[in-house]
C-alpha atoms as a PDB file:
ATOM      1  CA  MET A   1     -20.879   3.889  -1.126  1.00  0.00           C
ATOM      2  CA  SER A   2     -17.515   3.595   0.616  1.00  0.00           C
ATOM      3  CA  LEU A   3     -13.910   2.468   0.423  1.00  0.00           C
ATOM      4  CA  LEU A   4     -12.764  -0.007   3.086  1.00  0.00           C
ATOM      5  CA  ILE A   5      -8.992  -0.231   3.497  1.00  0.00           C
ATOM      6  CA  ALA A   6      -7.881  -3.271   5.496  1.00  0.00           C
ATOM      7  CA  GLY A   7      -4.270  -3.863   6.510  1.00  0.00           C
ATOM      8  CA  SER A   8      -1.568  -3.409   9.101  1.00  0.00           C
ATOM      9  CA  ILE A   9      -1.540  -0.378  11.400  1.00  0.00           C
ATOM     10  CA  ALA A  10       2.000   0.375  12.601  1.00  0.00           C
ATOM     11  CA  THR A  11       4.559   2.895  13.731  1.00  0.00           C
ATOM     12  CA  ASP A  12       7.666   3.236  11.542  1.00  0.00           C
ATOM     13  CA  HIS A  13      11.140   3.657  13.023  1.00  0.00           C
ATOM     14  CA  LEU A  14      13.261   4.809  10.081  1.00  0.00           C
ATOM     15  CA  MET A  15      17.081   5.056  10.099  1.00  0.00           C
ATOM     16  CA  THR A  16      19.658   6.000   7.481  1.00  0.00           C
ATOM     17  CA  PHE A  17      23.071   4.390   7.023  1.00  0.00           C
ATOM     18  CA  GLN A  18      25.560   6.629   5.212  1.00  0.00           C
ATOM     19  CA  GLY A  19      27.199   3.786   3.325  1.00  0.00           C
ATOM     20  CA  LYS A  20      26.354   0.721   1.258  1.00  0.00           C
ATOM     21  CA  PHE A  21      25.147  -2.513   2.882  1.00  0.00           C
ATOM     22  CA  GLU A  22      26.795  -4.485   0.114  1.00  0.00           C
ATOM     23  CA  ASP A  23      30.239  -3.298   1.266  1.00  0.00           C
ATOM     24  CA  SER A  24      29.707  -5.166   4.572  1.00  0.00           C
ATOM     25  CA  LEU A  25      28.364  -8.415   3.131  1.00  0.00           C
ATOM     26  CA  VAL A  26      30.472 -11.391   2.146  1.00  0.00           C
ATOM     27  CA  VAL A  27      28.452 -13.579  -0.178  1.00  0.00           C
ATOM     28  CA  GLU A  28      30.267 -16.762   0.829  1.00  0.00           C
ATOM     29  CA  GLN A  29      29.499 -16.101   4.530  1.00  0.00           C
ATOM     30  CA  LEU A  30      25.846 -15.130   4.402  1.00  0.00           C
ATOM     31  CA  ASP A  31      24.935 -18.254   6.392  1.00  0.00           C
ATOM     32  CA  LYS A  32      26.969 -16.740   9.274  1.00  0.00           C
ATOM     33  CA  LEU A  33      25.659 -13.203   8.838  1.00  0.00           C
ATOM     34  CA  SER A  34      26.178 -11.001  11.901  1.00  0.00           C
ATOM     35  CA  VAL A  35      26.677  -7.323  11.102  1.00  0.00           C
ATOM     36  CA  SER A  36      25.666  -3.940  12.553  1.00  0.00           C
ATOM     37  CA  PHE A  37      25.476  -0.499  10.996  1.00  0.00           C
ATOM     38  CA  LEU A  38      26.071   2.815  12.688  1.00  0.00           C
ATOM     39  CA  VAL A  39      23.194   5.082  11.669  1.00  0.00           C
ATOM     40  CA  GLU A  40      23.200   8.855  11.787  1.00  0.00           C
ATOM     41  CA  ASP A  41      19.546   9.646  12.330  1.00  0.00           C
ATOM     42  CA  LEU A  42      16.241   8.184  13.565  1.00  0.00           C
ATOM     43  CA  GLU A  43      12.790   9.211  12.463  1.00  0.00           C
ATOM     44  CA  ILE A  44       9.751   7.826  14.249  1.00  0.00           C
ATOM     45  CA  ARG A  45       6.782   8.063  11.915  1.00  0.00           C
ATOM     46  CA  ARG A  46       3.254   6.842  11.515  1.00  0.00           C
ATOM     47  CA  GLY A  47       2.886   3.857   9.173  1.00  0.00           C
ATOM     48  CA  GLY A  48       1.247   0.567   8.315  1.00  0.00           C
ATOM     49  CA  VAL A  49      -0.069  -0.143   4.865  1.00  0.00           C
ATOM     50  CA  ALA A  50      -3.726   0.607   5.621  1.00  0.00           C
ATOM     51  CA  PRO A  51      -3.244   4.027   7.279  1.00  0.00           C
ATOM     52  CA  ASN A  52      -0.686   4.980   4.605  1.00  0.00           C
ATOM     53  CA  ILE A  53      -3.224   4.261   1.880  1.00  0.00           C
ATOM     54  CA  CYS A  54      -6.038   5.932   3.829  1.00  0.00           C
ATOM     55  CA  PHE A  55      -3.926   9.048   4.364  1.00  0.00           C
ATOM     56  CA  GLY A  56      -3.245   9.313   0.632  1.00  0.00           C
ATOM     57  CA  LEU A  57      -6.942   8.942  -0.189  1.00  0.00           C
ATOM     58  CA  GLY A  58      -7.749  11.603   2.404  1.00  0.00           C
ATOM     59  CA  GLN A  59      -5.232  13.972   0.787  1.00  0.00           C
ATOM     60  CA  LEU A  60      -7.081  13.521  -2.475  1.00  0.00           C
ATOM     61  CA  GLY A  61     -10.417  14.433  -0.916  1.00  0.00           C
ATOM     62  CA  LEU A  62     -11.912  10.986  -0.258  1.00  0.00           C
ATOM     63  CA  ARG A  63     -13.001   9.638   3.125  1.00  0.00           C
ATOM     64  CA  PRO A  64     -11.846   6.009   3.410  1.00  0.00           C
ATOM     65  CA  THR A  65     -12.695   3.659   6.291  1.00  0.00           C
ATOM     66  CA  LEU A  66      -9.677   2.186   8.077  1.00  0.00           C
ATOM     67  CA  VAL A  67     -10.064  -1.541   8.902  1.00  0.00           C
ATOM     68  CA  GLY A  68      -7.391  -3.017  11.195  1.00  0.00           C
ATOM     69  CA  ALA A  69      -6.264  -3.718  14.727  1.00  0.00           C
ATOM     70  CA  ALA A  70      -4.155  -1.456  16.995  1.00  0.00           C
ATOM     71  CA  GLY A  71      -3.212  -1.096  20.644  1.00  0.00           C
ATOM     72  CA  GLU A  72      -4.373   1.373  23.237  1.00  0.00           C
ATOM     73  CA  ASP A  73      -1.368   3.513  22.194  1.00  0.00           C
ATOM     74  CA  PHE A  74      -3.272   4.298  18.960  1.00  0.00           C
ATOM     75  CA  ALA A  75      -5.043   7.378  20.360  1.00  0.00           C
ATOM     76  CA  ASP A  76      -2.675  10.059  18.998  1.00  0.00           C
ATOM     77  CA  TYR A  77      -2.363   8.278  15.658  1.00  0.00           C
ATOM     78  CA  ARG A  78      -6.131   8.033  15.443  1.00  0.00           C
ATOM     79  CA  SER A  79      -6.505  11.802  16.006  1.00  0.00           C
ATOM     80  CA  TRP A  80      -3.956  12.482  13.251  1.00  0.00           C
ATOM     81  CA  LEU A  81      -5.768  10.272  10.745  1.00  0.00           C
ATOM     82  CA  GLU A  82      -9.164  11.686  11.567  1.00  0.00           C
ATOM     83  CA  ARG A  83      -7.840  15.205  11.034  1.00  0.00           C
ATOM     84  CA  HIS A  84      -6.773  14.076   7.565  1.00  0.00           C
ATOM     85  CA  GLY A  85     -10.087  12.631   6.478  1.00  0.00           C
ATOM     86  CA  VAL A  86      -9.898   9.005   7.628  1.00  0.00           C
ATOM     87  CA  ASP A  87     -12.808   7.186   9.319  1.00  0.00           C
ATOM     88  CA  CYS A  88     -11.262   5.286  12.238  1.00  0.00           C
ATOM     89  CA  ASP A  89     -14.460   4.246  13.986  1.00  0.00           C
ATOM     90  CA  SER A  90     -14.094   0.595  12.976  1.00  0.00           C
ATOM     91  CA  VAL A  91     -10.482   0.076  14.179  1.00  0.00           C
ATOM     92  CA  HIS A  92     -10.289  -2.844  16.623  1.00  0.00           C
ATOM     93  CA  ILE A  93      -8.380  -1.861  19.773  1.00  0.00           C
ATOM     94  CA  SER A  94      -6.499  -4.615  21.619  1.00  0.00           C
ATOM     95  CA  ASP A  95      -6.552  -4.569  25.385  1.00  0.00           C
ATOM     96  CA  SER A  96      -3.269  -6.474  25.714  1.00  0.00           C
ATOM     97  CA  LYS A  97      -0.929  -5.719  22.785  1.00  0.00           C
ATOM     98  CA  HIS A  98       0.890  -2.669  21.437  1.00  0.00           C
ATOM     99  CA  THR A  99       0.350  -1.306  17.943  1.00  0.00           C
ATOM    100  CA  ALA A 100       2.679  -2.989  15.444  1.00  0.00           C
ATOM    101  CA  ARG A 101       6.191  -1.644  14.798  1.00  0.00           C
ATOM    102  CA  PHE A 102       8.161  -1.419  11.550  1.00  0.00           C
ATOM    103  CA  VAL A 103      11.899  -0.832  11.971  1.00  0.00           C
ATOM    104  CA  CYS A 104      13.865  -0.073   8.795  1.00  0.00           C
ATOM    105  CA  THR A 105      17.396   1.061   7.884  1.00  0.00           C
ATOM    106  CA  THR A 106      18.095   2.448   4.392  1.00  0.00           C
ATOM    107  CA  ASP A 107      21.545   2.903   2.849  1.00  0.00           C
ATOM    108  CA  THR A 108      22.698   5.424   0.225  1.00  0.00           C
ATOM    109  CA  THR A 109      21.611   3.143  -2.621  1.00  0.00           C
ATOM    110  CA  MET A 110      18.054   2.910  -1.186  1.00  0.00           C
ATOM    111  CA  ALA A 111      18.642  -0.719  -0.208  1.00  0.00           C
ATOM    112  CA  GLN A 112      16.847  -1.634   3.050  1.00  0.00           C
ATOM    113  CA  PHE A 113      17.020  -3.961   6.043  1.00  0.00           C
ATOM    114  CA  ALA A 114      13.713  -4.133   7.924  1.00  0.00           C
ATOM    115  CA  SER A 115      11.983  -5.932  10.773  1.00  0.00           C
ATOM    116  CA  PHE A 116       8.308  -6.015  11.692  1.00  0.00           C
ATOM    117  CA  TYR A 117       6.686  -6.681  15.074  1.00  0.00           C
ATOM    118  CA  PRO A 118       2.994  -7.569  14.545  1.00  0.00           C
ATOM    119  CA  GLY A 119       1.633  -6.885  18.056  1.00  0.00           C
ATOM    120  CA  ALA A 120      -2.055  -6.021  17.956  1.00  0.00           C
ATOM    121  CA  MET A 121      -2.133  -6.733  14.230  1.00  0.00           C
ATOM    122  CA  SER A 122      -2.669 -10.432  15.123  1.00  0.00           C
ATOM    123  CA  GLU A 123      -6.167  -9.493  16.290  1.00  0.00           C
ATOM    124  CA  ALA A 124      -7.246  -8.382  12.824  1.00  0.00           C
ATOM    125  CA  ARG A 125      -8.681 -11.894  12.450  1.00  0.00           C
ATOM    126  CA  LEU A 126     -11.382 -10.868  14.941  1.00  0.00           C
ATOM    127  CA  ILE A 127     -12.777  -8.185  12.597  1.00  0.00           C
ATOM    128  CA  GLU A 128     -15.949  -8.813  10.629  1.00  0.00           C
ATOM    129  CA  LEU A 129     -16.695  -6.588   7.616  1.00  0.00           C
ATOM    130  CA  ALA A 130     -20.503  -6.830   7.642  1.00  0.00           C
ATOM    131  CA  PRO A 131     -21.026  -4.539  10.700  1.00  0.00           C
ATOM    132  CA  ILE A 132     -18.663  -1.982   9.166  1.00  0.00           C
ATOM    133  CA  VAL A 133     -20.631  -2.069   5.888  1.00  0.00           C
ATOM    134  CA  ALA A 134     -23.863  -1.658   7.838  1.00  0.00           C
ATOM    135  CA  ARG A 135     -22.433   1.521   9.368  1.00  0.00           C
ATOM    136  CA  VAL A 136     -20.784   3.156   6.298  1.00  0.00           C
ATOM    137  CA  GLY A 137     -22.698   1.661   3.366  1.00  0.00           C
ATOM    138  CA  GLU A 138     -22.020  -0.814   0.570  1.00  0.00           C
ATOM    139  CA  PRO A 139     -18.343  -0.617  -0.395  1.00  0.00           C
ATOM    140  CA  ASP A 140     -17.152   0.357  -3.844  1.00  0.00           C
ATOM    141  CA  TYR A 141     -14.061  -1.711  -3.001  1.00  0.00           C
ATOM    142  CA  VAL A 142     -12.490  -3.505  -0.055  1.00  0.00           C
ATOM    143  CA  LEU A 143      -8.702  -3.340  -0.339  1.00  0.00           C
ATOM    144  CA  ILE A 144      -7.097  -6.219   1.587  1.00  0.00           C
ATOM    145  CA  GLY A 145      -3.500  -5.319   2.261  1.00  0.00           C
ATOM    146  CA  ALA A 146      -0.731  -7.025   4.188  1.00  0.00           C
ATOM    147  CA  ASP A 147      -1.985  -7.886   7.659  1.00  0.00           C
ATOM    148  CA  ASP A 148      -2.399 -10.821   9.976  1.00  0.00           C
ATOM    149  CA  PRO A 149      -2.704 -13.755   7.479  1.00  0.00           C
ATOM    150  CA  GLU A 150      -5.794 -15.179   9.202  1.00  0.00           C
ATOM    151  CA  GLY A 151      -7.357 -11.733   9.104  1.00  0.00           C
ATOM    152  CA  MET A 152      -6.584 -11.391   5.391  1.00  0.00           C
ATOM    153  CA  LEU A 153      -8.165 -14.761   4.687  1.00  0.00           C
ATOM    154  CA  ARG A 154     -11.261 -13.867   6.735  1.00  0.00           C
ATOM    155  CA  HIS A 155     -11.732 -10.555   4.900  1.00  0.00           C
ATOM    156  CA  THR A 156     -11.181 -12.196   1.485  1.00  0.00           C
ATOM    157  CA  ASP A 157     -13.626 -15.045   2.192  1.00  0.00           C
ATOM    158  CA  GLU A 158     -16.237 -12.596   3.492  1.00  0.00           C
ATOM    159  CA  CYS A 159     -15.920 -10.446   0.388  1.00  0.00           C
ATOM    160  CA  ARG A 160     -16.497 -13.446  -1.831  1.00  0.00           C
ATOM    161  CA  GLN A 161     -19.448 -14.654   0.244  1.00  0.00           C
ATOM    162  CA  ARG A 162     -21.142 -11.256   0.513  1.00  0.00           C
ATOM    163  CA  GLY A 163     -20.331 -10.080  -3.009  1.00  0.00           C
ATOM    164  CA  TYR A 164     -18.089  -7.138  -2.041  1.00  0.00           C
ATOM    165  CA  ALA A 165     -15.681  -6.191  -4.802  1.00  0.00           C
ATOM    166  CA  PHE A 166     -12.189  -6.622  -3.342  1.00  0.00           C
ATOM    167  CA  ILE A 167      -8.633  -5.717  -4.221  1.00  0.00           C
ATOM    168  CA  ALA A 168      -5.864  -8.161  -3.366  1.00  0.00           C
ATOM    169  CA  ASP A 169      -2.659  -6.535  -2.129  1.00  0.00           C
ATOM    170  CA  PRO A 170      -0.702  -9.220  -0.181  1.00  0.00           C
ATOM    171  CA  SER A 171       2.705  -7.455  -0.690  1.00  0.00           C
ATOM    172  CA  GLN A 172       4.913  -8.138   2.351  1.00  0.00           C
ATOM    173  CA  GLN A 173       3.069 -11.317   3.278  1.00  0.00           C
ATOM    174  CA  LEU A 174       4.123 -12.939  -0.022  1.00  0.00           C
ATOM    175  CA  ALA A 175       7.584 -13.679   1.408  1.00  0.00           C
ATOM    176  CA  PHE A 176       6.117 -15.703   4.252  1.00  0.00           C
ATOM    177  CA  GLY A 177       2.931 -17.133   2.725  1.00  0.00           C
ATOM    178  CA  GLU A 178       2.744 -20.538   1.079  1.00  0.00           C
ATOM    179  CA  GLY A 179       1.141 -21.127  -2.266  1.00  0.00           C
ATOM    180  CA  ASP A 180      -2.238 -22.211  -0.867  1.00  0.00           C
ATOM    181  CA  LEU A 181      -2.560 -19.008   1.193  1.00  0.00           C
ATOM    182  CA  ILE A 182      -1.630 -16.791  -1.767  1.00  0.00           C
ATOM    183  CA  ARG A 183      -4.031 -18.560  -4.075  1.00  0.00           C
ATOM    184  CA  GLN A 184      -6.884 -17.986  -1.621  1.00  0.00           C
ATOM    185  CA  LEU A 185      -6.024 -14.303  -1.214  1.00  0.00           C
ATOM    186  CA  ILE A 186      -6.017 -13.678  -4.963  1.00  0.00           C
ATOM    187  CA  GLU A 187      -8.863 -15.771  -6.376  1.00  0.00           C
ATOM    188  CA  GLY A 188     -11.733 -13.554  -7.513  1.00  0.00           C
ATOM    189  CA  ALA A 189     -10.078 -10.160  -6.885  1.00  0.00           C
ATOM    190  CA  THR A 190     -11.163  -7.222  -9.014  1.00  0.00           C
ATOM    191  CA  LEU A 191      -7.611  -5.874  -8.877  1.00  0.00           C
ATOM    192  CA  LEU A 192      -4.287  -7.424  -7.844  1.00  0.00           C
ATOM    193  CA  PHE A 193      -1.484  -5.098  -6.756  1.00  0.00           C
ATOM    194  CA  SER A 194       2.184  -6.145  -6.695  1.00  0.00           C
ATOM    195  CA  ASN A 195       5.604  -4.890  -7.625  1.00  0.00           C
ATOM    196  CA  GLU A 196       7.580  -6.693 -10.360  1.00  0.00           C
ATOM    197  CA  TYR A 197       9.445  -8.971  -7.989  1.00  0.00           C
ATOM    198  CA  GLU A 198       6.263  -9.863  -6.149  1.00  0.00           C
ATOM    199  CA  SER A 199       4.576 -10.660  -9.433  1.00  0.00           C
ATOM    200  CA  HIS A 200       7.176 -13.347 -10.132  1.00  0.00           C
ATOM    201  CA  LEU A 201       6.985 -14.532  -6.522  1.00  0.00           C
ATOM    202  CA  ILE A 202       3.239 -15.026  -6.881  1.00  0.00           C
ATOM    203  CA  GLN A 203       3.777 -17.152  -9.976  1.00  0.00           C
ATOM    204  CA  SER A 204       6.534 -19.166  -8.319  1.00  0.00           C
ATOM    205  CA  LYS A 205       4.610 -19.904  -5.098  1.00  0.00           C
ATOM    206  CA  THR A 206       1.174 -20.547  -6.619  1.00  0.00           C
ATOM    207  CA  GLY A 207       2.383 -22.485  -9.627  1.00  0.00           C
ATOM    208  CA  TRP A 208       0.222 -20.247 -11.793  1.00  0.00           C
ATOM    209  CA  SER A 209       1.442 -18.640 -14.981  1.00  0.00           C
ATOM    210  CA  ALA A 210       0.833 -14.955 -15.720  1.00  0.00           C
ATOM    211  CA  GLU A 211      -2.141 -16.057 -17.849  1.00  0.00           C
ATOM    212  CA  ASP A 212      -3.465 -18.272 -15.032  1.00  0.00           C
ATOM    213  CA  ILE A 213      -3.412 -15.275 -12.665  1.00  0.00           C
ATOM    214  CA  LEU A 214      -5.376 -13.128 -15.109  1.00  0.00           C
ATOM    215  CA  ASP A 215      -7.948 -15.922 -15.407  1.00  0.00           C
ATOM    216  CA  ARG A 216      -8.560 -15.419 -11.665  1.00  0.00           C
ATOM    217  CA  VAL A 217      -8.397 -11.627 -11.254  1.00  0.00           C
ATOM    218  CA  GLY A 218      -9.840  -8.791 -13.268  1.00  0.00           C
ATOM    219  CA  THR A 219      -6.689  -6.676 -13.602  1.00  0.00           C
ATOM    220  CA  GLN A 220      -3.123  -6.883 -12.327  1.00  0.00           C
ATOM    221  CA  VAL A 221      -1.310  -3.634 -11.501  1.00  0.00           C
ATOM    222  CA  ILE A 222       2.474  -4.110 -11.369  1.00  0.00           C
ATOM    223  CA  THR A 223       4.600  -1.269 -10.047  1.00  0.00           C
ATOM    224  CA  LEU A 224       8.106  -0.943 -11.600  1.00  0.00           C
ATOM    225  CA  GLY A 225       9.852   1.483  -9.267  1.00  0.00           C
ATOM    226  CA  LYS A 226      11.494   4.349 -11.125  1.00  0.00           C
ATOM    227  CA  ASP A 227      10.136   2.932 -14.391  1.00  0.00           C
ATOM    228  CA  GLY A 228       6.492   3.485 -13.457  1.00  0.00           C
ATOM    229  CA  VAL A 229       3.752   0.886 -13.660  1.00  0.00           C
ATOM    230  CA  ARG A 230       2.423  -1.819 -15.951  1.00  0.00           C
ATOM    231  CA  ILE A 231      -1.304  -2.762 -16.032  1.00  0.00           C
ATOM    232  CA  VAL A 232      -2.445  -6.024 -17.574  1.00  0.00           C
ATOM    233  CA  GLY A 233      -5.881  -7.573 -17.835  1.00  0.00           C
ATOM    234  CA  ARG A 234      -7.817 -10.333 -19.537  1.00  0.00           C
ATOM    235  CA  ASP A 235      -9.749  -8.114 -21.916  1.00  0.00           C
ATOM    236  CA  GLN A 236      -7.506  -5.083 -22.331  1.00  0.00           C
ATOM    237  CA  GLN A 237      -4.234  -4.076 -23.935  1.00  0.00           C
ATOM    238  CA  THR A 238      -1.241  -3.760 -21.653  1.00  0.00           C
ATOM    239  CA  ILE A 239      -0.896  -0.195 -20.324  1.00  0.00           C
ATOM    240  CA  GLU A 240       2.463   1.236 -19.252  1.00  0.00           C
ATOM    241  CA  VAL A 241       2.689   4.568 -17.432  1.00  0.00           C
ATOM    242  CA  HIS A 242       6.045   6.170 -16.704  1.00  0.00           C
ATOM    243  CA  ALA A 243       6.863   7.542 -13.257  1.00  0.00           C
ATOM    244  CA  ALA A 244       6.307  11.227 -12.489  1.00  0.00           C
ATOM    245  CA  LYS A 245       9.059  13.502 -13.777  1.00  0.00           C
ATOM    246  CA  ASP A 246      11.652  15.468 -11.797  1.00  0.00           C
ATOM    247  CA  VAL A 247      11.447  13.334  -8.668  1.00  0.00           C
ATOM    248  CA  HIS A 248      14.148  13.962  -6.033  1.00  0.00           C
ATOM    249  CA  ALA A 249      14.208  10.684  -4.131  1.00  0.00           C
ATOM    250  CA  VAL A 250      14.923  10.883  -0.410  1.00  0.00           C
ATOM    251  CA  GLU A 251      13.370   7.772   1.236  1.00  0.00           C
ATOM    252  CA  PRO A 252      11.303   5.056  -0.447  1.00  0.00           C
ATOM    253  CA  THR A 253       9.251   3.691   2.455  1.00  0.00           C
ATOM    254  CA  GLY A 254       5.491   4.003   1.724  1.00  0.00           C
ATOM    255  CA  VAL A 255       5.853   4.837  -1.972  1.00  0.00           C
ATOM    256  CA  GLY A 256       3.889   1.758  -3.028  1.00  0.00           C
ATOM    257  CA  ASP A 257       1.135   2.580  -0.567  1.00  0.00           C
ATOM    258  CA  ALA A 258       0.845   6.134  -1.966  1.00  0.00           C
ATOM    259  CA  PHE A 259       0.649   4.754  -5.490  1.00  0.00           C
ATOM    260  CA  ARG A 260      -2.171   2.440  -4.434  1.00  0.00           C
ATOM    261  CA  ALA A 261      -4.050   5.354  -2.812  1.00  0.00           C
ATOM    262  CA  GLY A 262      -3.793   7.444  -5.956  1.00  0.00           C
ATOM    263  CA  PHE A 263      -4.744   4.589  -8.258  1.00  0.00           C
ATOM    264  CA  LEU A 264      -7.718   3.629  -6.082  1.00  0.00           C
ATOM    265  CA  ALA A 265      -8.864   7.259  -5.969  1.00  0.00           C
ATOM    266  CA  GLY A 266      -8.729   7.425  -9.766  1.00  0.00           C
ATOM    267  CA  VAL A 267     -10.700   4.188 -10.139  1.00  0.00           C
ATOM    268  CA  ASP A 268     -13.265   5.347  -7.614  1.00  0.00           C
ATOM    269  CA  TRP A 269     -13.652   8.612  -9.548  1.00  0.00           C
ATOM    270  CA  GLY A 270     -14.411   6.557 -12.673  1.00  0.00           C
ATOM    271  CA  LEU A 271     -11.175   7.352 -14.501  1.00  0.00           C
ATOM    272  CA  SER A 272      -9.464   4.977 -16.886  1.00  0.00           C
ATOM    273  CA  HIS A 273      -6.710   2.719 -15.569  1.00  0.00           C
ATOM    274  CA  GLU A 274      -4.158   4.884 -17.380  1.00  0.00           C
ATOM    275  CA  ARG A 275      -5.355   8.037 -15.654  1.00  0.00           C
ATOM    276  CA  ALA A 276      -5.627   6.271 -12.328  1.00  0.00           C
ATOM    277  CA  ALA A 277      -2.029   5.153 -12.666  1.00  0.00           C
ATOM    278  CA  GLN A 278      -0.986   8.742 -13.390  1.00  0.00           C
ATOM    279  CA  VAL A 279      -2.703   9.890 -10.185  1.00  0.00           C
ATOM    280  CA  GLY A 280      -0.922   7.088  -8.343  1.00  0.00           C
ATOM    281  CA  CYS A 281       2.522   7.900  -9.770  1.00  0.00           C
ATOM    282  CA  THR A 282       2.073  11.582  -8.952  1.00  0.00           C
ATOM    283  CA  LEU A 283       1.077  10.877  -5.362  1.00  0.00           C
ATOM    284  CA  ALA A 284       3.989   8.440  -4.985  1.00  0.00           C
ATOM    285  CA  ALA A 285       6.396  11.186  -6.016  1.00  0.00           C
ATOM    286  CA  TYR A 286       5.434  13.254  -2.973  1.00  0.00           C
ATOM    287  CA  VAL A 287       6.168  10.328  -0.619  1.00  0.00           C
ATOM    288  CA  VAL A 288       9.589   9.402  -2.023  1.00  0.00           C
ATOM    289  CA  GLU A 289      10.637  13.036  -1.632  1.00  0.00           C
ATOM    290  CA  THR A 290       9.952  13.008   2.131  1.00  0.00           C
ATOM    291  CA  VAL A 291      11.083  10.969   5.158  1.00  0.00           C
ATOM    292  CA  GLY A 292       8.041   9.184   6.554  1.00  0.00           C
ATOM    293  CA  THR A 293       4.941   7.853   4.849  1.00  0.00           C
ATOM    294  CA  GLN A 294       2.435  10.568   5.840  1.00  0.00           C
ATOM    295  CA  GLU A 295       4.501  13.749   5.973  1.00  0.00           C
ATOM    296  CA  TYR A 296       3.711  15.137   2.525  1.00  0.00           C
ATOM    297  CA  THR A 297       1.343  17.976   1.730  1.00  0.00           C
ATOM    298  CA  PHE A 298       0.126  19.671  -1.444  1.00  0.00           C
ATOM    299  CA  THR A 299      -2.663  21.865  -2.733  1.00  0.00           C
ATOM    300  CA  PRO A 300      -4.916  20.741  -5.608  1.00  0.00           C
ATOM    301  CA  ASP A 301      -3.205  23.275  -7.854  1.00  0.00           C
ATOM    302  CA  GLN A 302       0.240  21.949  -6.951  1.00  0.00           C
ATOM    303  CA  PHE A 303      -0.845  18.354  -7.556  1.00  0.00           C
ATOM    304  CA  LEU A 304      -2.406  19.205 -10.926  1.00  0.00           C
ATOM    305  CA  SER A 305       0.643  21.187 -11.954  1.00  0.00           C
ATOM    306  CA  ARG A 306       2.762  18.096 -11.357  1.00  0.00           C
ATOM    307  CA  VAL A 307       0.298  15.926 -13.289  1.00  0.00           C
ATOM    308  CA  HIS A 308       0.476  18.458 -16.149  1.00  0.00           C
ATOM    309  CA  ASP A 309       4.290  18.471 -16.190  1.00  0.00           C
ATOM    310  CA  SER A 310       4.492  14.642 -16.155  1.00  0.00           C
ATOM    311  CA  TYR A 311       1.482  13.551 -18.215  1.00  0.00           C
ATOM    312  CA  GLY A 312       0.216  16.568 -20.158  1.00  0.00           C
ATOM    313  CA  SER A 313      -2.698  18.991 -20.189  1.00  0.00           C
ATOM    314  CA  ASP A 314      -5.382  16.427 -21.007  1.00  0.00           C
ATOM    315  CA  ALA A 315      -4.484  14.374 -17.945  1.00  0.00           C
ATOM    316  CA  ALA A 316      -4.487  17.448 -15.729  1.00  0.00           C
ATOM    317  CA  LEU A 317      -7.831  18.621 -17.073  1.00  0.00           C
ATOM    318  CA  GLU A 318      -9.509  15.235 -16.584  1.00  0.00           C
ATOM    319  CA  ILE A 319      -8.080  14.591 -13.119  1.00  0.00           C
ATOM    320  CA  GLY A 320      -8.739  18.179 -12.061  1.00  0.00           C
ATOM    321  CA  LYS A 321     -12.487  17.599 -12.243  1.00  0.00           C
ATOM    322  CA  TYR A 322     -12.215  15.496  -9.085  1.00  0.00           C
ATOM    323  CA  LEU A 323      -9.770  17.562  -6.994  1.00  0.00           C
ATOM    324  CA  GLY A 324     -10.449  20.573  -4.803  1.00  0.00           C
END
């Protein structure tokens, strides 16, 4: 059995503005917006939703399979991921386009302005899942994260046709996708990931109510930022898990990806959704405390100590069976 993680592969260019964006914005003039911000630092980091999630799974001792498209400049990134437990043998390499770029500036309130260049990501639509499954085995889950929209549709349709359990995680593509695209990406998913704003955006664009969405997916996992996560499902009581304690936030990029990695690891281990969310929130704490999405490290004992401090001894004992 295996975990296939499909999504964008990118390099992050992260900058910090030592002020507040809102101080430079005039609401009545937003239609004429033309501003620049003097930043004090630049961090060039590895990113993309699929590698971020894969890295987190690797840190927890799993070996996920990365599914996505990159350029020939991916060689160093590939070596890094493979050293951290990620199977990169199924990454499609473009012969004409660079790996995607994410450029983001964050202010002192953690507000962000970001741009994304897709590059080789547009070739994700050329990837078929069946040969990957033939190589690595029947997947426990296929997570379909933000990527080339045609690629996301192809993966989703193939999962439905071949009976692969899939997780819908459209995230950044929700802002650009129309209702018909979003409906196709969600229908039949075992899990649907979103943050609270994205949850309302899904309802608005699809025309579906919260109940309609749950009629089409098994479980919806809604992240709430500093307030933790809410999990809702057709046949279960709503579960709310608070964020990990004593978090010293530095930079939020990649926090949602880390949560997804931890949650998916917990589900793959056979833990309850509550325990899986606790794993996810703990892993997310490590990311928000560092600059970059794959710069965190921990030992199993350190991770379990943090689980214990945030969620108690029972949680640490149960999760500890699968770490180390």
